[in-house]
Amino acid sequence: MAVALLAIALLAYKKHRLRRLFPLSIAFGLFVLKVGLLHLDSLYPMLQSELEVSSVAAEFGMLAMIFFAFIRK
């Protein structure tokens, strides 16, 4: 689902060139990355702490990109 939202946001950015859509596209991409990291956690349990830190960093990046999308004119 997140990959579909990423594709739609990228297509909308490419078509309309609205600068507000670019951070939103990055946020969807970071969400896809976060989900991937959570799946890697089940495959490699010995990397749990590193993957958890990466997941939190991706979540912070998502929130920051959504914030930037809202404040941009």
C-alpha atoms as a PDB file:
ATOM      1  CA  MET A   1       0.000   0.000   0.000  1.00  0.00           C
ATOM      2  CA  ALA A   2       2.798   2.415   0.867  1.00  0.00           C
ATOM      3  CA  VAL A   3       4.554   1.618  -2.414  1.00  0.00           C
ATOM      4  CA  ALA A   4       1.375   2.536  -4.294  1.00  0.00           C
ATOM      5  CA  LEU A   5       1.129   5.831  -2.392  1.00  0.00           C
ATOM      6  CA  LEU A   6       4.789   6.518  -3.148  1.00  0.00           C
ATOM      7  CA  ALA A   7       4.211   5.890  -6.854  1.00  0.00           C
ATOM      8  CA  ILE A   8       1.113   8.109  -6.926  1.00  0.00           C
ATOM      9  CA  ALA A   9       2.900  10.930  -5.114  1.00  0.00           C
ATOM     10  CA  LEU A  10       5.892  10.719  -7.459  1.00  0.00           C
ATOM     11  CA  LEU A  11       3.649  10.728 -10.529  1.00  0.00           C
ATOM     12  CA  ALA A  12       1.729  13.729  -9.194  1.00  0.00           C
ATOM     13  CA  TYR A  13       4.990  15.564  -8.495  1.00  0.00           C
ATOM     14  CA  LYS A  14       6.291  14.754 -11.960  1.00  0.00           C
ATOM     15  CA  LYS A  15       3.078  15.923 -13.605  1.00  0.00           C
ATOM     16  CA  HIS A  16       2.362  19.108 -11.635  1.00  0.00           C
ATOM     17  CA  ARG A  17       5.829  20.046 -10.282  1.00  0.00           C
ATOM     18  CA  LEU A  18       4.345  21.153  -6.956  1.00  0.00           C
ATOM     19  CA  ARG A  19       7.184  21.507  -4.474  1.00  0.00           C
ATOM     20  CA  ARG A  20       4.877  20.368  -1.662  1.00  0.00           C
ATOM     21  CA  LEU A  21       4.603  16.898  -3.143  1.00  0.00           C
ATOM     22  CA  PHE A  22       8.320  16.134  -3.088  1.00  0.00           C
ATOM     23  CA  PRO A  23       8.710  15.936   0.721  1.00  0.00           C
ATOM     24  CA  LEU A  24       5.511  13.919   0.828  1.00  0.00           C
ATOM     25  CA  SER A  25       7.010  11.466  -1.655  1.00  0.00           C
ATOM     26  CA  ILE A  26      10.116  11.192   0.507  1.00  0.00           C
ATOM     27  CA  ALA A  27       7.907  10.508   3.545  1.00  0.00           C
ATOM     28  CA  PHE A  28       6.177   7.628   1.751  1.00  0.00           C
ATOM     29  CA  GLY A  29       9.560   6.278   0.683  1.00  0.00           C
ATOM     30  CA  LEU A  30      10.789   6.393   4.272  1.00  0.00           C
ATOM     31  CA  PHE A  31       7.660   4.523   5.340  1.00  0.00           C
ATOM     32  CA  VAL A  32       8.472   1.775   2.840  1.00  0.00           C
ATOM     33  CA  LEU A  33      11.999   1.688   4.277  1.00  0.00           C
ATOM     34  CA  LYS A  34      10.662   1.441   7.836  1.00  0.00           C
ATOM     35  CA  VAL A  35       8.411  -1.491   6.963  1.00  0.00           C
ATOM     36  CA  GLY A  36      11.349  -3.198   5.287  1.00  0.00           C
ATOM     37  CA  LEU A  37      13.470  -2.687   8.391  1.00  0.00           C
ATOM     38  CA  LEU A  38      10.760  -4.210  10.551  1.00  0.00           C
ATOM     39  CA  HIS A  39      10.686  -7.282   8.305  1.00  0.00           C
ATOM     40  CA  LEU A  40      14.470  -7.554   8.463  1.00  0.00           C
ATOM     41  CA  ASP A  41      14.178  -7.635  12.244  1.00  0.00           C
ATOM     42  CA  SER A  42      12.362 -10.956  12.024  1.00  0.00           C
ATOM     43  CA  LEU A  43      15.004 -12.367   9.652  1.00  0.00           C
ATOM     44  CA  TYR A  44      18.064 -11.149  11.581  1.00  0.00           C
ATOM     45  CA  PRO A  45      17.240 -11.056  15.312  1.00  0.00           C
ATOM     46  CA  MET A  46      20.887 -10.380  16.235  1.00  0.00           C
ATOM     47  CA  LEU A  47      20.600  -6.942  14.586  1.00  0.00           C
ATOM     48  CA  GLN A  48      17.517  -5.965  16.571  1.00  0.00           C
ATOM     49  CA  SER A  49      18.979  -2.886  18.279  1.00  0.00           C
ATOM     50  CA  GLU A  50      20.531  -1.476  15.080  1.00  0.00           C
ATOM     51  CA  LEU A  51      17.338  -2.044  13.106  1.00  0.00           C
ATOM     52  CA  GLU A  52      15.280  -0.456  15.860  1.00  0.00           C
ATOM     53  CA  VAL A  53      17.444   2.689  15.801  1.00  0.00           C
ATOM     54  CA  SER A  54      17.167   2.810  12.006  1.00  0.00           C
ATOM     55  CA  SER A  55      13.410   2.377  12.235  1.00  0.00           C
ATOM     56  CA  VAL A  56      13.096   5.257  14.698  1.00  0.00           C
ATOM     57  CA  ALA A  57      15.289   7.430  12.456  1.00  0.00           C
ATOM     58  CA  ALA A  58      13.080   6.609   9.457  1.00  0.00           C
ATOM     59  CA  GLU A  59       9.993   7.477  11.492  1.00  0.00           C
ATOM     60  CA  PHE A  60      11.508  10.827  12.516  1.00  0.00           C
ATOM     61  CA  GLY A  61      12.354  11.500   8.861  1.00  0.00           C
ATOM     62  CA  MET A  62       8.778  10.705   7.826  1.00  0.00           C
ATOM     63  CA  LEU A  63       7.356  13.136  10.368  1.00  0.00           C
ATOM     64  CA  ALA A  64       9.854  15.815   9.356  1.00  0.00           C
ATOM     65  CA  MET A  65       8.996  15.441   5.656  1.00  0.00           C
ATOM     66  CA  ILE A  66       5.250  15.612   6.357  1.00  0.00           C
ATOM     67  CA  PHE A  67       5.882  18.760   8.422  1.00  0.00           C
ATOM     68  CA  PHE A  68       7.892  20.310   5.570  1.00  0.00           C
ATOM     69  CA  ALA A  69       5.140  19.417   3.105  1.00  0.00           C
ATOM     70  CA  PHE A  70       2.604  21.258   5.241  1.00  0.00           C
ATOM     71  CA  ILE A  71       4.638  24.420   5.792  1.00  0.00           C
ATOM     72  CA  ARG A  72       5.784  24.848   2.179  1.00  0.00           C
ATOM     73  CA  LYS A  73       3.802  27.248   0.048  1.00  0.00           C
END
